[in-house]
Amino acid sequence: MSYRYRITIENLDPLQSHRQEEESLQFCADNHDPLLDIVKAVQAKRLLDINRSASLAIGLKLLGEIVLAKRKDPLFAPLVLPIRNFTQQLKSLEPVSNTTKP
């Protein structure tokens, strides 16, 4: 099963943009995983703040999908194992509970 997403990057500080077309970017991406669920799972681990956790999850999944599709390409082949290992380590971390123990 594949999921299709629209990714939007919007410059929130137009004073830092030199050209009008740099203020936003939108593209579509397919992924074999439900990205919003993955973002929530990474955020629950509380390794980073909510925004950085979302950036990590989305960035890793977007890159991982390309590396998986191009795993035999000499440019991407060296990334397969490190990304797989990092992803497995990240998945193995337990979420942080919202309740405190007495």
PDB file of N, CA and C in Angstrom:
ATOM      1  N   MET A   1       0.847  -1.182   0.000  1.00  0.00           N
ATOM      2  CA  MET A   1       0.000   0.000   0.000  1.00  0.00           C
ATOM      3  C   MET A   1       0.892   1.244   0.000  1.00  0.00           C
ATOM      4  N   SER A   2       0.488   2.247  -0.731  1.00  0.00           N
ATOM      5  CA  SER A   2       1.253   3.486  -0.810  1.00  0.00           C
ATOM      6  C   SER A   2       0.366   4.667  -0.431  1.00  0.00           C
ATOM      7  N   TYR A   3       0.961   5.611   0.245  1.00  0.00           N
ATOM      8  CA  TYR A   3       0.274   6.837   0.639  1.00  0.00           C
ATOM      9  C   TYR A   3       0.843   7.979  -0.193  1.00  0.00           C
ATOM     10  N   ARG A   4      -0.011   8.925  -0.542  1.00  0.00           N
ATOM     11  CA  ARG A   4       0.431  10.076  -1.333  1.00  0.00           C
ATOM     12  C   ARG A   4       0.262  11.329  -0.480  1.00  0.00           C
ATOM     13  N   TYR A   5       1.300  12.159  -0.484  1.00  0.00           N
ATOM     14  CA  TYR A   5       1.314  13.365   0.347  1.00  0.00           C
ATOM     15  C   TYR A   5       1.653  14.594  -0.479  1.00  0.00           C
ATOM     16  N   ARG A   6       1.119  15.721  -0.048  1.00  0.00           N
ATOM     17  CA  ARG A   6       1.538  17.014  -0.584  1.00  0.00           C
ATOM     18  C   ARG A   6       2.391  17.650   0.501  1.00  0.00           C
ATOM     19  N   ILE A   7       3.608  17.964   0.158  1.00  0.00           N
ATOM     20  CA  ILE A   7       4.548  18.582   1.093  1.00  0.00           C
ATOM     21  C   ILE A   7       4.637  20.060   0.732  1.00  0.00           C
ATOM     22  N   THR A   8       4.486  20.905   1.718  1.00  0.00           N
ATOM     23  CA  THR A   8       4.569  22.346   1.501  1.00  0.00           C
ATOM     24  C   THR A   8       5.638  22.927   2.412  1.00  0.00           C
ATOM     25  N   ILE A   9       6.535  23.681   1.814  1.00  0.00           N
ATOM     26  CA  ILE A   9       7.557  24.407   2.559  1.00  0.00           C
ATOM     27  C   ILE A   9       7.280  25.883   2.304  1.00  0.00           C
ATOM     28  N   GLU A  10       7.066  26.612   3.358  1.00  0.00           N
ATOM     29  CA  GLU A  10       6.730  28.024   3.219  1.00  0.00           C
ATOM     30  C   GLU A  10       7.707  28.855   4.029  1.00  0.00           C
ATOM     31  N   ASN A  11       8.295  29.837   3.396  1.00  0.00           N
ATOM     32  CA  ASN A  11       9.205  30.750   4.078  1.00  0.00           C
ATOM     33  C   ASN A  11       8.376  31.677   4.962  1.00  0.00           C
ATOM     34  N   LEU A  12       8.614  31.603   6.258  1.00  0.00           N
ATOM     35  CA  LEU A  12       7.855  32.435   7.193  1.00  0.00           C
ATOM     36  C   LEU A  12       8.508  33.781   7.451  1.00  0.00           C
ATOM     37  N   ASP A  13       9.671  33.995   6.871  1.00  0.00           N
ATOM     38  CA  ASP A  13      10.362  35.269   7.021  1.00  0.00           C
ATOM     39  C   ASP A  13      10.683  35.819   5.631  1.00  0.00           C
ATOM     40  N   PRO A  14       9.712  36.468   4.990  1.00  0.00           N
ATOM     41  CA  PRO A  14       9.930  36.941   3.626  1.00  0.00           C
ATOM     42  C   PRO A  14      11.082  37.936   3.492  1.00  0.00           C
ATOM     43  N   LEU A  15      11.503  38.551   4.591  1.00  0.00           N
ATOM     44  CA  LEU A  15      12.640  39.473   4.517  1.00  0.00           C
ATOM     45  C   LEU A  15      13.932  38.726   4.201  1.00  0.00           C
ATOM     46  N   GLN A  16      13.980  37.421   4.507  1.00  0.00           N
ATOM     47  CA  GLN A  16      15.159  36.610   4.222  1.00  0.00           C
ATOM     48  C   GLN A  16      15.136  36.036   2.802  1.00  0.00           C
ATOM     49  N   SER A  17      14.022  36.198   2.117  1.00  0.00           N
ATOM     50  CA  SER A  17      13.900  35.671   0.758  1.00  0.00           C
ATOM     51  C   SER A  17      14.314  36.742  -0.240  1.00  0.00           C
ATOM     52  N   HIS A  18      15.080  36.339  -1.230  1.00  0.00           N
ATOM     53  CA  HIS A  18      15.558  37.286  -2.235  1.00  0.00           C
ATOM     54  C   HIS A  18      14.654  37.337  -3.457  1.00  0.00           C
ATOM     55  N   ARG A  19      13.881  36.281  -3.650  1.00  0.00           N
ATOM     56  CA  ARG A  19      13.002  36.235  -4.811  1.00  0.00           C
ATOM     57  C   ARG A  19      11.623  35.764  -4.381  1.00  0.00           C
ATOM     58  N   GLN A  20      10.614  36.219  -5.038  1.00  0.00           N
ATOM     59  CA  GLN A  20       9.234  35.872  -4.714  1.00  0.00           C
ATOM     60  C   GLN A  20       9.010  34.357  -4.756  1.00  0.00           C
ATOM     61  N   GLU A  21       9.553  33.670  -5.763  1.00  0.00           N
ATOM     62  CA  GLU A  21       9.306  32.233  -5.910  1.00  0.00           C
ATOM     63  C   GLU A  21       9.988  31.401  -4.823  1.00  0.00           C
ATOM     64  N   GLU A  22      10.883  31.992  -4.048  1.00  0.00           N
ATOM     65  CA  GLU A  22      11.536  31.272  -2.960  1.00  0.00           C
ATOM     66  C   GLU A  22      10.686  31.221  -1.689  1.00  0.00           C
ATOM     67  N   GLU A  23       9.572  31.902  -1.682  1.00  0.00           N
ATOM     68  CA  GLU A  23       8.788  31.996  -0.464  1.00  0.00           C
ATOM     69  C   GLU A  23       8.022  30.726  -0.133  1.00  0.00           C
ATOM     70  N   SER A  24       7.797  29.852  -1.122  1.00  0.00           N
ATOM     71  CA  SER A  24       7.162  28.577  -0.826  1.00  0.00           C
ATOM     72  C   SER A  24       7.491  27.555  -1.908  1.00  0.00           C
ATOM     73  N   LEU A  25       7.354  26.312  -1.532  1.00  0.00           N
ATOM     74  CA  LEU A  25       7.588  25.195  -2.436  1.00  0.00           C
ATOM     75  C   LEU A  25       6.569  24.128  -2.088  1.00  0.00           C
ATOM     76  N   GLN A  26       6.000  23.520  -3.103  1.00  0.00           N
ATOM     77  CA  GLN A  26       5.035  22.458  -2.879  1.00  0.00           C
ATOM     78  C   GLN A  26       5.332  21.323  -3.847  1.00  0.00           C
ATOM     79  N   PHE A  27       5.311  20.089  -3.337  1.00  0.00           N
ATOM     80  CA  PHE A  27       5.517  18.928  -4.198  1.00  0.00           C
ATOM     81  C   PHE A  27       4.775  17.740  -3.602  1.00  0.00           C
ATOM     82  N   CYS A  28       4.600  16.719  -4.410  1.00  0.00           N
ATOM     83  CA  CYS A  28       3.937  15.497  -3.959  1.00  0.00           C
ATOM     84  C   CYS A  28       4.974  14.408  -3.770  1.00  0.00           C
ATOM     85  N   ALA A  29       4.729  13.543  -2.797  1.00  0.00           N
ATOM     86  CA  ALA A  29       5.635  12.435  -2.515  1.00  0.00           C
ATOM     87  C   ALA A  29       4.810  11.221  -2.108  1.00  0.00           C
ATOM     88  N   ASP A  30       5.250  10.068  -2.580  1.00  0.00           N
ATOM     89  CA  ASP A  30       4.635   8.809  -2.184  1.00  0.00           C
ATOM     90  C   ASP A  30       5.491   8.182  -1.092  1.00  0.00           C
ATOM     91  N   ASN A  31       4.838   7.484  -0.176  1.00  0.00           N
ATOM     92  CA  ASN A  31       5.559   6.778   0.868  1.00  0.00           C
ATOM     93  C   ASN A  31       4.771   5.528   1.226  1.00  0.00           C
ATOM     94  N   HIS A  32       5.468   4.474   1.581  1.00  0.00           N
ATOM     95  CA  HIS A  32       4.787   3.225   1.912  1.00  0.00           C
ATOM     96  C   HIS A  32       4.279   3.204   3.356  1.00  0.00           C
ATOM     97  N   ASP A  33       4.530   4.250   4.113  1.00  0.00           N
ATOM     98  CA  ASP A  33       4.098   4.336   5.506  1.00  0.00           C
ATOM     99  C   ASP A  33       3.180   5.543   5.721  1.00  0.00           C
ATOM    100  N   PRO A  34       2.322   5.471   6.754  1.00  0.00           N
ATOM    101  CA  PRO A  34       1.487   6.623   7.111  1.00  0.00           C
ATOM    102  C   PRO A  34       2.344   7.661   7.864  1.00  0.00           C
ATOM    103  N   LEU A  35       2.777   8.693   7.176  1.00  0.00           N
ATOM    104  CA  LEU A  35       3.730   9.653   7.733  1.00  0.00           C
ATOM    105  C   LEU A  35       3.217  10.369   8.976  1.00  0.00           C
ATOM    106  N   LEU A  36       1.942  10.708   9.017  1.00  0.00           N
ATOM    107  CA  LEU A  36       1.439  11.431  10.188  1.00  0.00           C
ATOM    108  C   LEU A  36       1.503  10.565  11.444  1.00  0.00           C
ATOM    109  N   ASP A  37       1.266   9.268  11.304  1.00  0.00           N
ATOM    110  CA  ASP A  37       1.398   8.361  12.444  1.00  0.00           C
ATOM    111  C   ASP A  37       2.855   8.263  12.892  1.00  0.00           C
ATOM    112  N   ILE A  38       3.761   8.251  11.938  1.00  0.00           N
ATOM    113  CA  ILE A  38       5.183   8.165  12.257  1.00  0.00           C
ATOM    114  C   ILE A  38       5.654   9.429  12.965  1.00  0.00           C
ATOM    115  N   VAL A  39       5.183  10.579  12.525  1.00  0.00           N
ATOM    116  CA  VAL A  39       5.533  11.834  13.204  1.00  0.00           C
ATOM    117  C   VAL A  39       5.078  11.778  14.660  1.00  0.00           C
ATOM    118  N   LYS A  40       3.842  11.336  14.891  1.00  0.00           N
ATOM    119  CA  LYS A  40       3.334  11.243  16.266  1.00  0.00           C
ATOM    120  C   LYS A  40       4.165  10.279  17.102  1.00  0.00           C
ATOM    121  N   ALA A  41       4.577   9.158  16.498  1.00  0.00           N
ATOM    122  CA  ALA A  41       5.387   8.170  17.230  1.00  0.00           C
ATOM    123  C   ALA A  41       6.756   8.741  17.598  1.00  0.00           C
ATOM    124  N   VAL A  42       7.374   9.474  16.688  1.00  0.00           N
ATOM    125  CA  VAL A  42       8.679  10.076  16.975  1.00  0.00           C
ATOM    126  C   VAL A  42       8.526  11.180  18.028  1.00  0.00           C
ATOM    127  N   GLN A  43       7.483  11.972  17.922  1.00  0.00           N
ATOM    128  CA  GLN A  43       7.249  13.015  18.917  1.00  0.00           C
ATOM    129  C   GLN A  43       7.041  12.419  20.311  1.00  0.00           C
ATOM    130  N   ALA A  44       6.399  11.257  20.380  1.00  0.00           N
ATOM    131  CA  ALA A  44       6.125  10.605  21.664  1.00  0.00           C
ATOM    132  C   ALA A  44       7.405  10.134  22.346  1.00  0.00           C
ATOM    133  N   LYS A  45       8.471   9.956  21.608  1.00  0.00           N
ATOM    134  CA  LYS A  45       9.743   9.530  22.180  1.00  0.00           C
ATOM    135  C   LYS A  45      10.451  10.681  22.885  1.00  0.00           C
ATOM    136  N   ARG A  46      10.044  11.899  22.584  1.00  0.00           N
ATOM    137  CA  ARG A  46      10.556  13.123  23.218  1.00  0.00           C
ATOM    138  C   ARG A  46      12.073  13.253  23.181  1.00  0.00           C
ATOM    139  N   LEU A  47      12.653  12.865  22.048  1.00  0.00           N
ATOM    140  CA  LEU A  47      14.089  13.072  21.852  1.00  0.00           C
ATOM    141  C   LEU A  47      14.372  14.541  21.565  1.00  0.00           C
ATOM    142  N   LEU A  48      13.441  15.165  20.879  1.00  0.00           N
ATOM    143  CA  LEU A  48      13.567  16.548  20.429  1.00  0.00           C
ATOM    144  C   LEU A  48      12.243  17.246  20.688  1.00  0.00           C
ATOM    145  N   ASP A  49      12.198  18.557  20.460  1.00  0.00           N
ATOM    146  CA  ASP A  49      10.924  19.244  20.595  1.00  0.00           C
ATOM    147  C   ASP A  49       9.985  18.789  19.467  1.00  0.00           C
ATOM    148  N   ILE A  50       8.744  19.189  19.544  1.00  0.00           N
ATOM    149  CA  ILE A  50       7.713  18.724  18.606  1.00  0.00           C
ATOM    150  C   ILE A  50       8.077  19.038  17.154  1.00  0.00           C
ATOM    151  N   ASN A  51       8.542  20.258  16.878  1.00  0.00           N
ATOM    152  CA  ASN A  51       8.868  20.632  15.503  1.00  0.00           C
ATOM    153  C   ASN A  51      10.079  19.877  14.975  1.00  0.00           C
ATOM    154  N   ARG A  52      11.107  19.743  15.783  1.00  0.00           N
ATOM    155  CA  ARG A  52      12.304  19.014  15.326  1.00  0.00           C
ATOM    156  C   ARG A  52      12.006  17.524  15.166  1.00  0.00           C
ATOM    157  N   SER A  53      11.152  16.995  16.017  1.00  0.00           N
ATOM    158  CA  SER A  53      10.750  15.594  15.867  1.00  0.00           C
ATOM    159  C   SER A  53      10.013  15.381  14.554  1.00  0.00           C
ATOM    160  N   ALA A  54       9.136  16.318  14.209  1.00  0.00           N
ATOM    161  CA  ALA A  54       8.421  16.218  12.933  1.00  0.00           C
ATOM    162  C   ALA A  54       9.396  16.332  11.770  1.00  0.00           C
ATOM    163  N   SER A  55      10.349  17.250  11.868  1.00  0.00           N
ATOM    164  CA  SER A  55      11.359  17.399  10.809  1.00  0.00           C
ATOM    165  C   SER A  55      12.176  16.128  10.646  1.00  0.00           C
ATOM    166  N   LEU A  56      12.590  15.539  11.763  1.00  0.00           N
ATOM    167  CA  LEU A  56      13.358  14.297  11.714  1.00  0.00           C
ATOM    168  C   LEU A  56      12.546  13.189  11.049  1.00  0.00           C
ATOM    169  N   ALA A  57      11.324  13.002  11.492  1.00  0.00           N
ATOM    170  CA  ALA A  57      10.492  11.920  10.964  1.00  0.00           C
ATOM    171  C   ALA A  57      10.233  12.089   9.472  1.00  0.00           C
ATOM    172  N   ILE A  58       9.825  13.277   9.074  1.00  0.00           N
ATOM    173  CA  ILE A  58       9.507  13.513   7.657  1.00  0.00           C
ATOM    174  C   ILE A  58      10.770  13.448   6.807  1.00  0.00           C
ATOM    175  N   GLY A  59      11.837  14.082   7.240  1.00  0.00           N
ATOM    176  CA  GLY A  59      13.080  14.057   6.472  1.00  0.00           C
ATOM    177  C   GLY A  59      13.613  12.648   6.297  1.00  0.00           C
ATOM    178  N   LEU A  60      13.608  11.882   7.373  1.00  0.00           N
ATOM    179  CA  LEU A  60      14.102  10.510   7.319  1.00  0.00           C
ATOM    180  C   LEU A  60      13.240   9.649   6.402  1.00  0.00           C
ATOM    181  N   LYS A  61      11.934   9.795   6.507  1.00  0.00           N
ATOM    182  CA  LYS A  61      11.044   8.984   5.680  1.00  0.00           C
ATOM    183  C   LYS A  61      11.123   9.372   4.202  1.00  0.00           C
ATOM    184  N   LEU A  62      11.237  10.659   3.900  1.00  0.00           N
ATOM    185  CA  LEU A  62      11.359  11.072   2.500  1.00  0.00           C
ATOM    186  C   LEU A  62      12.675  10.581   1.899  1.00  0.00           C
ATOM    187  N   LEU A  63      13.769  10.764   2.631  1.00  0.00           N
ATOM    188  CA  LEU A  63      15.055  10.277   2.150  1.00  0.00           C
ATOM    189  C   LEU A  63      15.057   8.757   2.065  1.00  0.00           C
ATOM    190  N   GLY A  64      14.544   8.105   3.095  1.00  0.00           N
ATOM    191  CA  GLY A  64      14.513   6.647   3.126  1.00  0.00           C
ATOM    192  C   GLY A  64      13.753   6.045   1.961  1.00  0.00           C
ATOM    193  N   GLU A  65      12.677   6.663   1.576  1.00  0.00           N
ATOM    194  CA  GLU A  65      11.882   6.160   0.455  1.00  0.00           C
ATOM    195  C   GLU A  65      12.677   6.231  -0.850  1.00  0.00           C
ATOM    196  N   ILE A  66      13.397   7.309  -1.036  1.00  0.00           N
ATOM    197  CA  ILE A  66      14.228   7.450  -2.250  1.00  0.00           C
ATOM    198  C   ILE A  66      15.377   6.454  -2.219  1.00  0.00           C
ATOM    199  N   VAL A  67      16.026   6.326  -1.079  1.00  0.00           N
ATOM    200  CA  VAL A  67      17.142   5.382  -0.964  1.00  0.00           C
ATOM    201  C   VAL A  67      16.656   3.952  -1.222  1.00  0.00           C
ATOM    202  N   LEU A  68      15.494   3.611  -0.702  1.00  0.00           N
ATOM    203  CA  LEU A  68      14.939   2.285  -0.927  1.00  0.00           C
ATOM    204  C   LEU A  68      14.672   2.039  -2.414  1.00  0.00           C
ATOM    205  N   ALA A  69      14.106   3.023  -3.073  1.00  0.00           N
ATOM    206  CA  ALA A  69      13.803   2.880  -4.505  1.00  0.00           C
ATOM    207  C   ALA A  69      15.064   2.830  -5.358  1.00  0.00           C
ATOM    208  N   LYS A  70      16.123   3.490  -4.918  1.00  0.00           N
ATOM    209  CA  LYS A  70      17.359   3.584  -5.712  1.00  0.00           C
ATOM    210  C   LYS A  70      18.512   2.825  -5.065  1.00  0.00           C
ATOM    211  N   ARG A  71      18.208   1.806  -4.269  1.00  0.00           N
ATOM    212  CA  ARG A  71      19.233   1.104  -3.475  1.00  0.00           C
ATOM    213  C   ARG A  71      20.340   0.469  -4.296  1.00  0.00           C
ATOM    214  N   LYS A  72      20.110   0.209  -5.570  1.00  0.00           N
ATOM    215  CA  LYS A  72      21.165  -0.381  -6.411  1.00  0.00           C
ATOM    216  C   LYS A  72      21.993   0.675  -7.137  1.00  0.00           C
ATOM    217  N   ASP A  73      21.587   1.909  -7.067  1.00  0.00           N
ATOM    218  CA  ASP A  73      22.320   3.013  -7.675  1.00  0.00           C
ATOM    219  C   ASP A  73      23.570   3.279  -6.826  1.00  0.00           C
ATOM    220  N   PRO A  74      24.748   3.383  -7.444  1.00  0.00           N
ATOM    221  CA  PRO A  74      25.984   3.588  -6.672  1.00  0.00           C
ATOM    222  C   PRO A  74      25.969   4.827  -5.770  1.00  0.00           C
ATOM    223  N   LEU A  75      25.199   5.835  -6.123  1.00  0.00           N
ATOM    224  CA  LEU A  75      25.122   7.025  -5.288  1.00  0.00           C
ATOM    225  C   LEU A  75      24.367   6.757  -3.982  1.00  0.00           C
ATOM    226  N   PHE A  76      23.305   5.964  -4.058  1.00  0.00           N
ATOM    227  CA  PHE A  76      22.444   5.739  -2.904  1.00  0.00           C
ATOM    228  C   PHE A  76      22.774   4.470  -2.127  1.00  0.00           C
ATOM    229  N   ALA A  77      23.413   3.503  -2.752  1.00  0.00           N
ATOM    230  CA  ALA A  77      23.703   2.214  -2.110  1.00  0.00           C
ATOM    231  C   ALA A  77      24.408   2.344  -0.761  1.00  0.00           C
ATOM    232  N   PRO A  78      25.380   3.241  -0.605  1.00  0.00           N
ATOM    233  CA  PRO A  78      26.066   3.343   0.701  1.00  0.00           C
ATOM    234  C   PRO A  78      25.161   3.844   1.834  1.00  0.00           C
ATOM    235  N   LEU A  79      24.006   4.405   1.496  1.00  0.00           N
ATOM    236  CA  LEU A  79      23.107   4.930   2.519  1.00  0.00           C
ATOM    237  C   LEU A  79      22.118   3.898   3.048  1.00  0.00           C
ATOM    238  N   VAL A  80      21.944   2.792   2.341  1.00  0.00           N
ATOM    239  CA  VAL A  80      20.909   1.826   2.698  1.00  0.00           C
ATOM    240  C   VAL A  80      21.089   1.315   4.130  1.00  0.00           C
ATOM    241  N   LEU A  81      22.225   0.766   4.441  1.00  0.00           N
ATOM    242  CA  LEU A  81      22.443   0.172   5.760  1.00  0.00           C
ATOM    243  C   LEU A  81      22.426   1.208   6.890  1.00  0.00           C
ATOM    244  N   PRO A  82      23.119   2.339   6.770  1.00  0.00           N
ATOM    245  CA  PRO A  82      23.057   3.324   7.865  1.00  0.00           C
ATOM    246  C   PRO A  82      21.648   3.851   8.132  1.00  0.00           C
ATOM    247  N   ILE A  83      20.879   4.093   7.084  1.00  0.00           N
ATOM    248  CA  ILE A  83      19.509   4.577   7.291  1.00  0.00           C
ATOM    249  C   ILE A  83      18.662   3.489   7.929  1.00  0.00           C
ATOM    250  N   ARG A  84      18.834   2.260   7.474  1.00  0.00           N
ATOM    251  CA  ARG A  84      18.086   1.146   8.064  1.00  0.00           C
ATOM    252  C   ARG A  84      18.430   1.007   9.549  1.00  0.00           C
ATOM    253  N   ASN A  85      19.714   1.047   9.884  1.00  0.00           N
ATOM    254  CA  ASN A  85      20.134   0.904  11.281  1.00  0.00           C
ATOM    255  C   ASN A  85      19.610   2.045  12.148  1.00  0.00           C
ATOM    256  N   PHE A  86      19.722   3.274  11.649  1.00  0.00           N
ATOM    257  CA  PHE A  86      19.235   4.425  12.404  1.00  0.00           C
ATOM    258  C   PHE A  86      17.729   4.316  12.635  1.00  0.00           C
ATOM    259  N   THR A  87      16.995   3.954  11.596  1.00  0.00           N
ATOM    260  CA  THR A  87      15.542   3.828  11.700  1.00  0.00           C
ATOM    261  C   THR A  87      15.163   2.750  12.713  1.00  0.00           C
ATOM    262  N   GLN A  88      15.847   1.629  12.695  1.00  0.00           N
ATOM    263  CA  GLN A  88      15.563   0.559  13.652  1.00  0.00           C
ATOM    264  C   GLN A  88      15.862   1.001  15.086  1.00  0.00           C
ATOM    265  N   GLN A  89      16.954   1.723  15.279  1.00  0.00           N
ATOM    266  CA  GLN A  89      17.269   2.236  16.623  1.00  0.00           C
ATOM    267  C   GLN A  89      16.205   3.221  17.088  1.00  0.00           C
ATOM    268  N   LEU A  90      15.788   4.095  16.197  1.00  0.00           N
ATOM    269  CA  LEU A  90      14.756   5.074  16.535  1.00  0.00           C
ATOM    270  C   LEU A  90      13.453   4.380  16.900  1.00  0.00           C
ATOM    271  N   LYS A  91      13.057   3.391  16.111  1.00  0.00           N
ATOM    272  CA  LYS A  91      11.824   2.643  16.381  1.00  0.00           C
ATOM    273  C   LYS A  91      11.888   1.915  17.726  1.00  0.00           C
ATOM    274  N   SER A  92      13.076   1.447  18.106  1.00  0.00           N
ATOM    275  CA  SER A  92      13.205   0.649  19.325  1.00  0.00           C
ATOM    276  C   SER A  92      13.101   1.476  20.606  1.00  0.00           C
ATOM    277  N   LEU A  93      13.245   2.780  20.495  1.00  0.00           N
ATOM    278  CA  LEU A  93      13.121   3.631  21.677  1.00  0.00           C
ATOM    279  C   LEU A  93      11.676   3.678  22.146  1.00  0.00           C
ATOM    280  N   GLU A  94      11.501   3.577  23.435  1.00  0.00           N
ATOM    281  CA  GLU A  94      10.164   3.608  24.007  1.00  0.00           C
ATOM    282  C   GLU A  94       9.632   5.041  24.075  1.00  0.00           C
ATOM    283  N   PRO A  95       8.332   5.211  23.862  1.00  0.00           N
ATOM    284  CA  PRO A  95       7.738   6.543  24.058  1.00  0.00           C
ATOM    285  C   PRO A  95       7.846   6.947  25.525  1.00  0.00           C
ATOM    286  N   VAL A  96       7.914   8.238  25.760  1.00  0.00           N
ATOM    287  CA  VAL A  96       7.965   8.761  27.125  1.00  0.00           C
ATOM    288  C   VAL A  96       6.530   8.902  27.605  1.00  0.00           C
ATOM    289  N   SER A  97       6.263   8.367  28.777  1.00  0.00           N
ATOM    290  CA  SER A  97       4.926   8.419  29.340  1.00  0.00           C
ATOM    291  C   SER A  97       4.600   9.833  29.806  1.00  0.00           C
ATOM    292  N   ASN A  98       3.332  10.213  29.684  1.00  0.00           N
ATOM    293  CA  ASN A  98       2.874  11.525  30.169  1.00  0.00           C
ATOM    294  C   ASN A  98       2.698  11.538  31.677  1.00  0.00           C
ATOM    295  N   THR A  99       2.598  10.370  32.260  1.00  0.00           N
ATOM    296  CA  THR A  99       2.385  10.312  33.713  1.00  0.00           C
ATOM    297  C   THR A  99       3.726  10.153  34.412  1.00  0.00           C
ATOM    298  N   THR A 100       3.818  10.721  35.575  1.00  0.00           N
ATOM    299  CA  THR A 100       5.031  10.575  36.377  1.00  0.00           C
ATOM    300  C   THR A 100       4.800   9.484  37.415  1.00  0.00           C
ATOM    301  N   LYS A 101       5.814   8.720  37.682  1.00  0.00           N
ATOM    302  CA  LYS A 101       5.690   7.638  38.662  1.00  0.00           C
ATOM    303  C   LYS A 101       5.911   8.202  40.047  1.00  0.00           C
ATOM    304  N   PRO A 102       5.134   7.713  41.037  1.00  0.00           N
ATOM    305  CA  PRO A 102       5.295   8.204  42.424  1.00  0.00           C
ATOM    306  C   PRO A 102       6.608   7.796  43.029  1.00  0.00           C
TER     307      PRO A 102
END
